[in-house]
Amino acid sequence: MTSLVTPTRRAWLRASIATVAAGLPAWAGATASPWRCATGYRADSFHGRNLAQCLEEWSAASQQAPKVELHPNNSLVNLAAIAGHVKARQIEMGETIMSTLINDMPVAGADSVPFVVRSYADARRLWRWQRPLVEQAFASMGITVLYAVPWPPQGLYTMRPLGSLAELRGSRMRSYNRSTARIAELLGCTAVEVPMSEVGQALADGRIDCMITSAVTGVENQAWKHLRHYHEINAWFPKNIVIANAKALAELDASARRGLLGAASAAEARGWAASESVAAESVAELKRQGMKVEPLPTNAMGEMRRLGERCSVEWIREVGPEANQIFVPYYTQA
C-alpha cells in the first residue's frame, strides 16, 4: 500500500508540531514525578516547621518542582534508616541526625564529640570545616547535602543535684547514638536507646532516669514530670541534616534544581536562627515548669571535660587524618 504521508507532508507536519510546541508554556512539556521526604521528627518541632517551609518555598520558586509528600515522626522510614533509603532511592529526600551516620561516615560524628563546641559561634565554625568532608562522603554514596541545622546545646537532666559524676553510676541513661552510648558507659550508666519522640514515655515507664539532651527535647517531652534538675553543660550541638538522592536531583529541570538549592540555603540560615531562639525559650519553659536550671559543681564539670577529652582522643584515633582536617583548622583559625 502506498503511504499517504509524502516527504512534503512529513516536513509540513514536523514544522507544525514545532510551531505548536514553541507556543506552550515551560511547564507543559512534562511533570516531575512526586517526591517523598521522610523525617524522624515531629511536624511541629522547629526542625519540622523549617523543613516544611523549605519545601513550600521550593514549590513557589519553580513551576517545575515536583510535588513532595512530607512524612514526619518516623511515619514512613525510621530515623536511623533514612540515609540508606535516600541512597537506594526508595525515597528521594530525607532528614536525619548526623550522629546516626557515624558507623558508615565517621566524619559525621565531629559535632557529637563532647565539649569541643561550646557556643553557636563555635558550632558554625566547626560546620565550616566539617561540611566539605561530609559532602564528599555523601557524594560517594550518591547523595547530595541540602542543608544542616543544629539542635540547641545538650544539657544533663537528673532527678537530684549532683556533687560528682560518680553519683550517676548505676543510672539508666538515655542514648540515641553511639556517642551517647559511649558517654553512658564511661559514666558507669546503663545506656538505654530511646528516640526523641519516645523520651516522655520512657521517663514515665521508668526506663531511664537521666539523660543528656537539649532543653527543646525536655520541653517537648515534659521532662519536669519525672526529672527535677537541668544542668546547662553545653556538651555538644548535634546537627540534623537534610539530603537528597543525587540522581533524582539531577533528573529535575534546571529551574527546579536551582529552586531547591535556593530554598535549602534559606532553610539553613533560618534554621540556625530558630535553633538559637528556641534554645533560650525552652530553658525559660523548663524554669516555668519548676525545674531547677543550674550549672554542675566545678569539680563535676571538670570531670565532664576530662571525659570529653577522652572521647576526642578516641574519635581522632578512629577517624584518622580526616579528623585533623576538621579539628586542626577549627582550633587554629578564626
C-alpha atoms as a PDB file:
ATOM      1  CA  MET A   1       0.000   0.000   0.000  1.00  0.00           C
ATOM      2  CA  THR A   2       1.319   3.446  -0.939  1.00  0.00           C
ATOM      3  CA  SER A   3       1.954   5.736   2.054  1.00  0.00           C
ATOM      4  CA  LEU A   4      -0.347   8.740   2.219  1.00  0.00           C
ATOM      5  CA  VAL A   5       2.360  10.727   4.076  1.00  0.00           C
ATOM      6  CA  THR A   6       4.630  12.144   1.400  1.00  0.00           C
ATOM      7  CA  PRO A   7       8.041  13.731   2.152  1.00  0.00           C
ATOM      8  CA  THR A   8       6.447  17.129   1.674  1.00  0.00           C
ATOM      9  CA  ARG A   9       3.619  16.297   4.084  1.00  0.00           C
ATOM     10  CA  ARG A  10       6.162  14.967   6.665  1.00  0.00           C
ATOM     11  CA  ALA A  11       8.077  18.224   6.532  1.00  0.00           C
ATOM     12  CA  TRP A  12       4.851  20.181   6.954  1.00  0.00           C
ATOM     13  CA  LEU A  13       3.835  18.049   9.993  1.00  0.00           C
ATOM     14  CA  ARG A  14       7.240  18.486  11.669  1.00  0.00           C
ATOM     15  CA  ALA A  15       7.074  22.239  11.163  1.00  0.00           C
ATOM     16  CA  SER A  16       3.531  22.383  12.511  1.00  0.00           C
ATOM     17  CA  ILE A  17       4.417  20.373  15.652  1.00  0.00           C
ATOM     18  CA  ALA A  18       7.460  22.581  16.290  1.00  0.00           C
ATOM     19  CA  THR A  19       5.334  25.706  15.938  1.00  0.00           C
ATOM     20  CA  VAL A  20       2.722  24.444  18.415  1.00  0.00           C
ATOM     21  CA  ALA A  21       5.381  23.288  20.901  1.00  0.00           C
ATOM     22  CA  ALA A  22       7.107  26.669  20.794  1.00  0.00           C
ATOM     23  CA  GLY A  23       3.927  28.307  21.961  1.00  0.00           C
ATOM     24  CA  LEU A  24       3.464  26.068  25.007  1.00  0.00           C
ATOM     25  CA  PRO A  25       4.414  27.328  28.475  1.00  0.00           C
ATOM     26  CA  ALA A  26       7.615  25.902  30.000  1.00  0.00           C
ATOM     27  CA  TRP A  27       5.729  23.635  32.422  1.00  0.00           C
ATOM     28  CA  ALA A  28       3.599  21.967  29.754  1.00  0.00           C
ATOM     29  CA  GLY A  29       6.296  19.624  28.459  1.00  0.00           C
ATOM     30  CA  ALA A  30       6.377  17.226  31.387  1.00  0.00           C
ATOM     31  CA  THR A  31       5.552  16.980  35.048  1.00  0.00           C
ATOM     32  CA  ALA A  32       8.216  15.793  37.512  1.00  0.00           C
ATOM     33  CA  SER A  33       7.346  12.624  39.399  1.00  0.00           C
ATOM     34  CA  PRO A  34       6.292  13.178  43.025  1.00  0.00           C
ATOM     35  CA  TRP A  35       8.981  13.050  45.702  1.00  0.00           C
ATOM     36  CA  ARG A  36       8.775  11.561  49.175  1.00  0.00           C
ATOM     37  CA  CYS A  37      10.596  13.214  52.074  1.00  0.00           C
ATOM     38  CA  ALA A  38      10.943  11.394  55.415  1.00  0.00           C
ATOM     39  CA  THR A  39      11.994  12.787  58.776  1.00  0.00           C
ATOM     40  CA  GLY A  40      12.165  11.225  62.195  1.00  0.00           C
ATOM     41  CA  TYR A  41      10.990  14.392  63.912  1.00  0.00           C
ATOM     42  CA  ARG A  42       7.598  15.880  64.718  1.00  0.00           C
ATOM     43  CA  ALA A  43       5.969  18.189  62.198  1.00  0.00           C
ATOM     44  CA  ASP A  44       5.524  20.833  64.910  1.00  0.00           C
ATOM     45  CA  SER A  45       9.170  20.801  66.055  1.00  0.00           C
ATOM     46  CA  PHE A  46      11.333  23.706  64.910  1.00  0.00           C
ATOM     47  CA  HIS A  47      13.187  21.337  62.583  1.00  0.00           C
ATOM     48  CA  GLY A  48       9.874  20.059  61.200  1.00  0.00           C
ATOM     49  CA  ARG A  49       8.495  23.537  60.583  1.00  0.00           C
ATOM     50  CA  ASN A  50      11.724  24.616  58.921  1.00  0.00           C
ATOM     51  CA  LEU A  51      11.696  21.614  56.572  1.00  0.00           C
ATOM     52  CA  ALA A  52       8.042  22.182  55.646  1.00  0.00           C
ATOM     53  CA  GLN A  53       8.774  25.836  54.858  1.00  0.00           C
ATOM     54  CA  CYS A  54      11.758  24.808  52.729  1.00  0.00           C
ATOM     55  CA  LEU A  55       9.510  22.562  50.629  1.00  0.00           C
ATOM     56  CA  GLU A  56       6.872  25.294  50.320  1.00  0.00           C
ATOM     57  CA  GLU A  57       9.468  27.812  49.157  1.00  0.00           C
ATOM     58  CA  TRP A  58      10.823  25.320  46.644  1.00  0.00           C
ATOM     59  CA  SER A  59       7.350  24.829  45.186  1.00  0.00           C
ATOM     60  CA  ALA A  60       6.859  28.601  44.966  1.00  0.00           C
ATOM     61  CA  ALA A  61      10.260  29.130  43.350  1.00  0.00           C
ATOM     62  CA  SER A  62       9.774  26.770  40.398  1.00  0.00           C
ATOM     63  CA  GLN A  63       6.736  25.560  38.480  1.00  0.00           C
ATOM     64  CA  GLN A  64       8.818  22.502  37.569  1.00  0.00           C
ATOM     65  CA  ALA A  65       9.336  21.472  41.197  1.00  0.00           C
ATOM     66  CA  PRO A  66       7.776  18.071  41.919  1.00  0.00           C
ATOM     67  CA  LYS A  67       5.026  17.606  44.437  1.00  0.00           C
ATOM     68  CA  VAL A  68       6.661  16.493  47.692  1.00  0.00           C
ATOM     69  CA  GLU A  69       4.947  14.260  50.241  1.00  0.00           C
ATOM     70  CA  LEU A  70       6.389  15.052  53.690  1.00  0.00           C
ATOM     71  CA  HIS A  71       6.286  12.162  56.194  1.00  0.00           C
ATOM     72  CA  PRO A  72       7.257  13.295  59.737  1.00  0.00           C
ATOM     73  CA  ASN A  73       7.788  11.482  63.026  1.00  0.00           C
ATOM     74  CA  ASN A  74       9.148   8.165  61.666  1.00  0.00           C
ATOM     75  CA  SER A  75       5.838   7.593  59.879  1.00  0.00           C
ATOM     76  CA  LEU A  76       7.413   6.395  56.619  1.00  0.00           C
ATOM     77  CA  VAL A  77      11.009   5.468  57.452  1.00  0.00           C
ATOM     78  CA  ASN A  78      12.715   5.107  60.827  1.00  0.00           C
ATOM     79  CA  LEU A  79      15.176   7.910  61.581  1.00  0.00           C
ATOM     80  CA  ALA A  80      18.283   5.717  61.561  1.00  0.00           C
ATOM     81  CA  ALA A  81      17.342   4.204  58.171  1.00  0.00           C
ATOM     82  CA  ILE A  82      16.576   7.442  56.319  1.00  0.00           C
ATOM     83  CA  ALA A  83      20.022   7.951  54.766  1.00  0.00           C
ATOM     84  CA  GLY A  84      20.047   4.364  53.484  1.00  0.00           C
ATOM     85  CA  HIS A  85      16.633   4.801  51.909  1.00  0.00           C
ATOM     86  CA  VAL A  86      17.749   8.022  50.200  1.00  0.00           C
ATOM     87  CA  LYS A  87      20.874   6.270  48.930  1.00  0.00           C
ATOM     88  CA  ALA A  88      18.776   3.423  47.471  1.00  0.00           C
ATOM     89  CA  ARG A  89      16.291   5.947  46.074  1.00  0.00           C
ATOM     90  CA  GLN A  90      13.488   4.309  47.964  1.00  0.00           C
ATOM     91  CA  ILE A  91      12.729   7.884  48.966  1.00  0.00           C
ATOM     92  CA  GLU A  92      14.068  10.977  47.225  1.00  0.00           C
ATOM     93  CA  MET A  93      14.743  13.189  50.223  1.00  0.00           C
ATOM     94  CA  GLY A  94      15.087  12.932  53.985  1.00  0.00           C
ATOM     95  CA  GLU A  95      16.189  14.450  57.279  1.00  0.00           C
ATOM     96  CA  THR A  96      18.234  12.642  59.901  1.00  0.00           C
ATOM     97  CA  ILE A  97      20.620  13.495  62.713  1.00  0.00           C
ATOM     98  CA  MET A  98      24.234  13.220  61.601  1.00  0.00           C
ATOM     99  CA  SER A  99      25.381  11.262  64.619  1.00  0.00           C
ATOM    100  CA  THR A 100      23.293   8.261  63.450  1.00  0.00           C
ATOM    101  CA  LEU A 101      25.650   8.017  60.458  1.00  0.00           C
ATOM    102  CA  ILE A 102      28.880   7.539  62.403  1.00  0.00           C
ATOM    103  CA  ASN A 103      29.329   3.844  61.543  1.00  0.00           C
ATOM    104  CA  ASP A 104      29.259   4.476  57.789  1.00  0.00           C
ATOM    105  CA  MET A 105      30.588   8.054  57.869  1.00  0.00           C
ATOM    106  CA  PRO A 106      32.902   8.683  60.834  1.00  0.00           C
ATOM    107  CA  VAL A 107      33.371  12.387  59.992  1.00  0.00           C
ATOM    108  CA  ALA A 108      29.677  12.896  60.735  1.00  0.00           C
ATOM    109  CA  GLY A 109      30.465  12.397  64.416  1.00  0.00           C
ATOM    110  CA  ALA A 110      32.601  15.510  64.824  1.00  0.00           C
ATOM    111  CA  ASP A 111      29.720  17.579  66.161  1.00  0.00           C
ATOM    112  CA  SER A 112      28.926  14.961  68.833  1.00  0.00           C
ATOM    113  CA  VAL A 113      32.374  14.843  70.420  1.00  0.00           C
ATOM    114  CA  PRO A 114      31.756  16.287  73.906  1.00  0.00           C
ATOM    115  CA  PHE A 115      32.942  19.775  74.824  1.00  0.00           C
ATOM    116  CA  VAL A 116      34.595  20.615  71.510  1.00  0.00           C
ATOM    117  CA  VAL A 117      31.836  23.119  70.708  1.00  0.00           C
ATOM    118  CA  ARG A 118      30.673  25.443  73.486  1.00  0.00           C
ATOM    119  CA  SER A 119      28.544  28.031  71.643  1.00  0.00           C
ATOM    120  CA  TYR A 120      26.639  28.643  68.426  1.00  0.00           C
ATOM    121  CA  ALA A 121      29.625  30.592  67.084  1.00  0.00           C
ATOM    122  CA  ASP A 122      31.791  27.526  67.732  1.00  0.00           C
ATOM    123  CA  ALA A 123      29.192  25.307  66.059  1.00  0.00           C
ATOM    124  CA  ARG A 124      29.214  27.460  62.921  1.00  0.00           C
ATOM    125  CA  ARG A 125      32.996  27.338  62.765  1.00  0.00           C
ATOM    126  CA  LEU A 126      33.046  23.551  63.189  1.00  0.00           C
ATOM    127  CA  TRP A 127      30.463  23.101  60.406  1.00  0.00           C
ATOM    128  CA  ARG A 128      32.622  25.257  58.133  1.00  0.00           C
ATOM    129  CA  TRP A 129      35.395  22.641  58.329  1.00  0.00           C
ATOM    130  CA  GLN A 130      33.233  19.556  58.713  1.00  0.00           C
ATOM    131  CA  ARG A 131      30.895  20.269  55.808  1.00  0.00           C
ATOM    132  CA  PRO A 132      33.282  19.617  52.867  1.00  0.00           C
ATOM    133  CA  LEU A 133      34.184  16.177  54.229  1.00  0.00           C
ATOM    134  CA  VAL A 134      30.558  15.309  54.957  1.00  0.00           C
ATOM    135  CA  GLU A 135      29.525  16.418  51.463  1.00  0.00           C
ATOM    136  CA  GLN A 136      32.329  14.347  49.944  1.00  0.00           C
ATOM    137  CA  ALA A 137      31.314  11.265  51.926  1.00  0.00           C
ATOM    138  CA  PHE A 138      27.654  11.662  50.957  1.00  0.00           C
ATOM    139  CA  ALA A 139      28.576  12.245  47.299  1.00  0.00           C
ATOM    140  CA  SER A 140      30.372   8.878  47.244  1.00  0.00           C
ATOM    141  CA  MET A 141      27.020   7.363  48.280  1.00  0.00           C
ATOM    142  CA  GLY A 142      25.074   9.145  45.527  1.00  0.00           C
ATOM    143  CA  ILE A 143      23.583  11.686  47.946  1.00  0.00           C
ATOM    144  CA  THR A 144      23.566  15.491  47.850  1.00  0.00           C
ATOM    145  CA  VAL A 145      23.648  17.546  51.041  1.00  0.00           C
ATOM    146  CA  LEU A 146      20.996  20.272  51.069  1.00  0.00           C
ATOM    147  CA  TYR A 147      21.381  21.873  54.490  1.00  0.00           C
ATOM    148  CA  ALA A 148      22.162  21.243  58.152  1.00  0.00           C
ATOM    149  CA  VAL A 149      20.790  22.857  61.321  1.00  0.00           C
ATOM    150  CA  PRO A 150      21.983  22.246  64.897  1.00  0.00           C
ATOM    151  CA  TRP A 151      19.942  21.264  67.891  1.00  0.00           C
ATOM    152  CA  PRO A 152      20.323  23.558  70.903  1.00  0.00           C
ATOM    153  CA  PRO A 153      23.189  22.641  73.250  1.00  0.00           C
ATOM    154  CA  GLN A 154      22.891  19.380  75.115  1.00  0.00           C
ATOM    155  CA  GLY A 155      22.364  19.565  78.872  1.00  0.00           C
ATOM    156  CA  LEU A 156      22.268  16.977  81.644  1.00  0.00           C
ATOM    157  CA  TYR A 157      18.908  16.051  83.208  1.00  0.00           C
ATOM    158  CA  THR A 158      18.889  14.357  86.618  1.00  0.00           C
ATOM    159  CA  MET A 159      16.467  13.631  89.432  1.00  0.00           C
ATOM    160  CA  ARG A 160      18.781  15.025  92.130  1.00  0.00           C
ATOM    161  CA  PRO A 161      21.517  17.688  92.201  1.00  0.00           C
ATOM    162  CA  LEU A 162      24.954  16.240  91.556  1.00  0.00           C
ATOM    163  CA  GLY A 163      28.037  16.653  93.725  1.00  0.00           C
ATOM    164  CA  SER A 164      30.151  14.494  91.406  1.00  0.00           C
ATOM    165  CA  LEU A 165      29.682  12.349  88.329  1.00  0.00           C
ATOM    166  CA  ALA A 166      30.205   9.237  90.449  1.00  0.00           C
ATOM    167  CA  GLU A 167      26.638   9.742  91.683  1.00  0.00           C
ATOM    168  CA  LEU A 168      25.386   8.812  88.192  1.00  0.00           C
ATOM    169  CA  ARG A 169      26.932   5.353  88.360  1.00  0.00           C
ATOM    170  CA  GLY A 170      24.269   2.681  88.039  1.00  0.00           C
ATOM    171  CA  SER A 171      21.726   5.054  86.485  1.00  0.00           C
ATOM    172  CA  ARG A 172      19.820   4.280  83.307  1.00  0.00           C
ATOM    173  CA  MET A 173      20.850   6.959  80.819  1.00  0.00           C
ATOM    174  CA  ARG A 174      19.061   7.630  77.562  1.00  0.00           C
ATOM    175  CA  SER A 175      21.178   7.140  74.437  1.00  0.00           C
ATOM    176  CA  TYR A 176      20.311   7.957  70.842  1.00  0.00           C
ATOM    177  CA  ASN A 177      23.567   7.197  69.012  1.00  0.00           C
ATOM    178  CA  ARG A 178      26.937   5.582  69.518  1.00  0.00           C
ATOM    179  CA  SER A 179      28.438   8.710  71.118  1.00  0.00           C
ATOM    180  CA  THR A 180      25.791   8.942  73.840  1.00  0.00           C
ATOM    181  CA  ALA A 181      26.068   5.205  74.478  1.00  0.00           C
ATOM    182  CA  ARG A 182      29.832   5.619  74.963  1.00  0.00           C
ATOM    183  CA  ILE A 183      29.341   8.517  77.387  1.00  0.00           C
ATOM    184  CA  ALA A 184      26.891   6.422  79.399  1.00  0.00           C
ATOM    185  CA  GLU A 185      29.481   3.640  79.523  1.00  0.00           C
ATOM    186  CA  LEU A 186      32.229   5.990  80.718  1.00  0.00           C
ATOM    187  CA  LEU A 187      29.923   7.344  83.425  1.00  0.00           C
ATOM    188  CA  GLY A 188      29.097   3.849  84.656  1.00  0.00           C
ATOM    189  CA  CYS A 189      25.487   4.125  83.473  1.00  0.00           C
ATOM    190  CA  THR A 190      23.370   1.653  81.546  1.00  0.00           C
ATOM    191  CA  ALA A 191      22.681   3.070  78.076  1.00  0.00           C
ATOM    192  CA  VAL A 192      19.022   2.766  77.042  1.00  0.00           C
ATOM    193  CA  GLU A 193      18.345   3.649  73.412  1.00  0.00           C
ATOM    194  CA  VAL A 194      15.323   5.932  73.153  1.00  0.00           C
ATOM    195  CA  PRO A 195      14.404   8.063  70.102  1.00  0.00           C
ATOM    196  CA  MET A 196      13.492  11.673  70.720  1.00  0.00           C
ATOM    197  CA  SER A 197       9.777  11.105  70.114  1.00  0.00           C
ATOM    198  CA  GLU A 198       9.628   8.431  72.864  1.00  0.00           C
ATOM    199  CA  VAL A 199      11.532  10.188  75.658  1.00  0.00           C
ATOM    200  CA  GLY A 200       8.411  11.174  77.590  1.00  0.00           C
ATOM    201  CA  GLN A 201       7.063   7.620  77.589  1.00  0.00           C
ATOM    202  CA  ALA A 202      10.461   6.182  78.558  1.00  0.00           C
ATOM    203  CA  LEU A 203      10.584   8.532  81.548  1.00  0.00           C
ATOM    204  CA  ALA A 204       7.018   7.644  82.535  1.00  0.00           C
ATOM    205  CA  ASP A 205       7.810   3.922  82.282  1.00  0.00           C
ATOM    206  CA  GLY A 206      10.957   4.299  84.395  1.00  0.00           C
ATOM    207  CA  ARG A 207      13.186   3.004  81.612  1.00  0.00           C
ATOM    208  CA  ILE A 208      15.522   5.998  82.010  1.00  0.00           C
ATOM    209  CA  ASP A 209      16.314   8.221  84.985  1.00  0.00           C
ATOM    210  CA  CYS A 210      18.852  10.644  83.480  1.00  0.00           C
ATOM    211  CA  MET A 211      19.772  11.916  80.032  1.00  0.00           C
ATOM    212  CA  ILE A 212      21.967  14.309  78.077  1.00  0.00           C
ATOM    213  CA  THR A 213      19.812  16.125  75.560  1.00  0.00           C
ATOM    214  CA  SER A 214      18.599  19.599  74.634  1.00  0.00           C
ATOM    215  CA  ALA A 215      16.194  21.817  76.539  1.00  0.00           C
ATOM    216  CA  VAL A 216      13.919  21.526  73.481  1.00  0.00           C
ATOM    217  CA  THR A 217      13.654  17.761  73.895  1.00  0.00           C
ATOM    218  CA  GLY A 218      12.948  18.265  77.573  1.00  0.00           C
ATOM    219  CA  VAL A 219      10.090  20.656  76.853  1.00  0.00           C
ATOM    220  CA  GLU A 220       8.568  18.560  74.062  1.00  0.00           C
ATOM    221  CA  ASN A 221       8.563  15.517  76.354  1.00  0.00           C
ATOM    222  CA  GLN A 222       7.599  17.378  79.565  1.00  0.00           C
ATOM    223  CA  ALA A 223      10.685  16.141  81.376  1.00  0.00           C
ATOM    224  CA  TRP A 224       9.673  18.089  84.516  1.00  0.00           C
ATOM    225  CA  LYS A 225       7.092  15.403  85.276  1.00  0.00           C
ATOM    226  CA  HIS A 226       9.886  12.964  86.091  1.00  0.00           C
ATOM    227  CA  LEU A 227      13.199  14.849  86.461  1.00  0.00           C
ATOM    228  CA  ARG A 228      13.892  17.887  88.605  1.00  0.00           C
ATOM    229  CA  HIS A 229      17.295  19.256  87.563  1.00  0.00           C
ATOM    230  CA  TYR A 230      18.669  20.540  84.258  1.00  0.00           C
ATOM    231  CA  HIS A 231      22.396  21.285  84.136  1.00  0.00           C
ATOM    232  CA  GLU A 232      23.482  23.602  81.297  1.00  0.00           C
ATOM    233  CA  ILE A 233      26.722  21.852  80.375  1.00  0.00           C
ATOM    234  CA  ASN A 234      26.627  22.674  76.613  1.00  0.00           C
ATOM    235  CA  ALA A 235      28.057  19.236  75.901  1.00  0.00           C
ATOM    236  CA  TRP A 236      27.681  19.412  72.117  1.00  0.00           C
ATOM    237  CA  PHE A 237      25.481  20.846  69.344  1.00  0.00           C
ATOM    238  CA  PRO A 238      24.414  17.869  67.178  1.00  0.00           C
ATOM    239  CA  LYS A 239      23.123  18.704  63.721  1.00  0.00           C
ATOM    240  CA  ASN A 240      20.201  17.442  61.688  1.00  0.00           C
ATOM    241  CA  ILE A 241      20.996  17.144  58.004  1.00  0.00           C
ATOM    242  CA  VAL A 242      18.636  17.219  55.030  1.00  0.00           C
ATOM    243  CA  ILE A 243      19.728  15.212  51.991  1.00  0.00           C
ATOM    244  CA  ALA A 244      18.501  14.245  48.530  1.00  0.00           C
ATOM    245  CA  ASN A 245      19.229  11.410  46.143  1.00  0.00           C
ATOM    246  CA  ALA A 246      21.740  12.832  43.666  1.00  0.00           C
ATOM    247  CA  LYS A 247      20.268  11.080  40.601  1.00  0.00           C
ATOM    248  CA  ALA A 248      16.762  12.213  41.455  1.00  0.00           C
ATOM    249  CA  LEU A 249      18.080  15.754  41.822  1.00  0.00           C
ATOM    250  CA  ALA A 250      19.975  15.580  38.511  1.00  0.00           C
ATOM    251  CA  GLU A 251      16.837  14.432  36.690  1.00  0.00           C
ATOM    252  CA  LEU A 252      14.952  17.564  37.674  1.00  0.00           C
ATOM    253  CA  ASP A 253      14.530  20.530  35.385  1.00  0.00           C
ATOM    254  CA  ALA A 254      17.339  23.077  35.888  1.00  0.00           C
ATOM    255  CA  SER A 255      14.946  25.633  37.353  1.00  0.00           C
ATOM    256  CA  ALA A 256      13.645  23.046  39.853  1.00  0.00           C
ATOM    257  CA  ARG A 257      17.200  22.203  40.954  1.00  0.00           C
ATOM    258  CA  ARG A 258      18.019  25.885  41.413  1.00  0.00           C
ATOM    259  CA  GLY A 259      14.786  26.350  43.324  1.00  0.00           C
ATOM    260  CA  LEU A 260      15.563  23.527  45.739  1.00  0.00           C
ATOM    261  CA  LEU A 261      19.139  24.636  46.371  1.00  0.00           C
ATOM    262  CA  GLY A 262      17.977  28.194  46.950  1.00  0.00           C
ATOM    263  CA  ALA A 263      15.248  27.083  49.354  1.00  0.00           C
ATOM    264  CA  ALA A 264      17.763  24.860  51.169  1.00  0.00           C
ATOM    265  CA  SER A 265      20.214  27.745  51.609  1.00  0.00           C
ATOM    266  CA  ALA A 266      17.442  29.879  53.099  1.00  0.00           C
ATOM    267  CA  ALA A 267      16.373  26.981  55.354  1.00  0.00           C
ATOM    268  CA  GLU A 268      19.887  26.605  56.750  1.00  0.00           C
ATOM    269  CA  ALA A 269      20.135  30.301  57.670  1.00  0.00           C
ATOM    270  CA  ARG A 270      16.610  30.337  59.086  1.00  0.00           C
ATOM    271  CA  GLY A 271      17.137  27.077  60.981  1.00  0.00           C
ATOM    272  CA  TRP A 272      20.288  28.224  62.777  1.00  0.00           C
ATOM    273  CA  ALA A 273      18.499  31.371  63.950  1.00  0.00           C
ATOM    274  CA  ALA A 274      15.482  29.322  65.033  1.00  0.00           C
ATOM    275  CA  SER A 275      17.675  26.884  66.978  1.00  0.00           C
ATOM    276  CA  GLU A 276      19.263  29.689  68.976  1.00  0.00           C
ATOM    277  CA  SER A 277      15.892  31.288  69.664  1.00  0.00           C
ATOM    278  CA  VAL A 278      14.159  28.076  70.714  1.00  0.00           C
ATOM    279  CA  ALA A 279      17.101  27.184  72.974  1.00  0.00           C
ATOM    280  CA  ALA A 280      16.511  30.254  75.128  1.00  0.00           C
ATOM    281  CA  GLU A 281      12.722  29.792  75.057  1.00  0.00           C
ATOM    282  CA  SER A 282      12.992  26.145  76.103  1.00  0.00           C
ATOM    283  CA  VAL A 283      15.288  26.823  79.061  1.00  0.00           C
ATOM    284  CA  ALA A 284      12.830  29.502  80.212  1.00  0.00           C
ATOM    285  CA  GLU A 285       9.971  26.991  79.900  1.00  0.00           C
ATOM    286  CA  LEU A 286      11.836  24.405  81.996  1.00  0.00           C
ATOM    287  CA  LYS A 287      12.178  27.039  84.710  1.00  0.00           C
ATOM    288  CA  ARG A 288       8.489  27.974  84.480  1.00  0.00           C
ATOM    289  CA  GLN A 289       7.576  24.333  84.958  1.00  0.00           C
ATOM    290  CA  GLY A 290       9.570  24.160  88.171  1.00  0.00           C
ATOM    291  CA  MET A 291      12.790  22.520  87.015  1.00  0.00           C
ATOM    292  CA  LYS A 292      15.958  23.693  88.720  1.00  0.00           C
ATOM    293  CA  VAL A 293      18.256  25.025  85.997  1.00  0.00           C
ATOM    294  CA  GLU A 294      21.797  25.166  87.342  1.00  0.00           C
ATOM    295  CA  PRO A 295      25.429  24.546  86.422  1.00  0.00           C
ATOM    296  CA  LEU A 296      27.296  21.477  87.585  1.00  0.00           C
ATOM    297  CA  PRO A 297      29.617  21.957  90.546  1.00  0.00           C
ATOM    298  CA  THR A 298      33.121  22.930  89.467  1.00  0.00           C
ATOM    299  CA  ASN A 299      34.623  19.528  90.237  1.00  0.00           C
ATOM    300  CA  ALA A 300      31.870  17.667  88.366  1.00  0.00           C
ATOM    301  CA  MET A 301      32.254  19.976  85.367  1.00  0.00           C
ATOM    302  CA  GLY A 302      35.975  19.280  85.384  1.00  0.00           C
ATOM    303  CA  GLU A 303      35.225  15.553  85.315  1.00  0.00           C
ATOM    304  CA  MET A 304      32.897  16.121  82.348  1.00  0.00           C
ATOM    305  CA  ARG A 305      35.582  17.965  80.421  1.00  0.00           C
ATOM    306  CA  ARG A 306      38.133  15.238  81.065  1.00  0.00           C
ATOM    307  CA  LEU A 307      35.581  12.737  79.807  1.00  0.00           C
ATOM    308  CA  GLY A 308      35.225  14.909  76.690  1.00  0.00           C
ATOM    309  CA  GLU A 309      38.982  14.912  76.161  1.00  0.00           C
ATOM    310  CA  ARG A 310      38.989  11.121  76.299  1.00  0.00           C
ATOM    311  CA  CYS A 311      36.169  10.943  73.740  1.00  0.00           C
ATOM    312  CA  SER A 312      38.054  13.379  71.486  1.00  0.00           C
ATOM    313  CA  VAL A 313      41.195  11.234  71.524  1.00  0.00           C
ATOM    314  CA  GLU A 314      39.176   8.098  70.808  1.00  0.00           C
ATOM    315  CA  TRP A 315      37.371   9.783  67.916  1.00  0.00           C
ATOM    316  CA  ILE A 316      40.580  11.120  66.341  1.00  0.00           C
ATOM    317  CA  ARG A 317      42.213   7.695  66.561  1.00  0.00           C
ATOM    318  CA  GLU A 318      39.200   6.054  64.967  1.00  0.00           C
ATOM    319  CA  VAL A 319      38.690   8.566  62.152  1.00  0.00           C
ATOM    320  CA  GLY A 320      42.351   9.233  61.347  1.00  0.00           C
ATOM    321  CA  PRO A 321      43.615  12.067  59.087  1.00  0.00           C
ATOM    322  CA  GLU A 322      40.136  13.392  58.312  1.00  0.00           C
ATOM    323  CA  ALA A 323      39.657  14.202  61.988  1.00  0.00           C
ATOM    324  CA  ASN A 324      42.672  16.508  61.847  1.00  0.00           C
ATOM    325  CA  GLN A 325      41.286  18.152  58.698  1.00  0.00           C
ATOM    326  CA  ILE A 326      38.385  19.289  60.877  1.00  0.00           C
ATOM    327  CA  PHE A 327      39.877  19.886  64.317  1.00  0.00           C
ATOM    328  CA  VAL A 328      43.216  21.489  63.368  1.00  0.00           C
ATOM    329  CA  PRO A 329      41.688  24.423  61.459  1.00  0.00           C
ATOM    330  CA  TYR A 330      38.797  24.584  63.947  1.00  0.00           C
ATOM    331  CA  TYR A 331      41.196  25.196  66.833  1.00  0.00           C
ATOM    332  CA  THR A 332      43.785  27.274  64.979  1.00  0.00           C
ATOM    333  CA  GLN A 333      41.762  29.506  62.626  1.00  0.00           C
ATOM    334  CA  ALA A 334      39.159  32.106  63.473  1.00  0.00           C
END
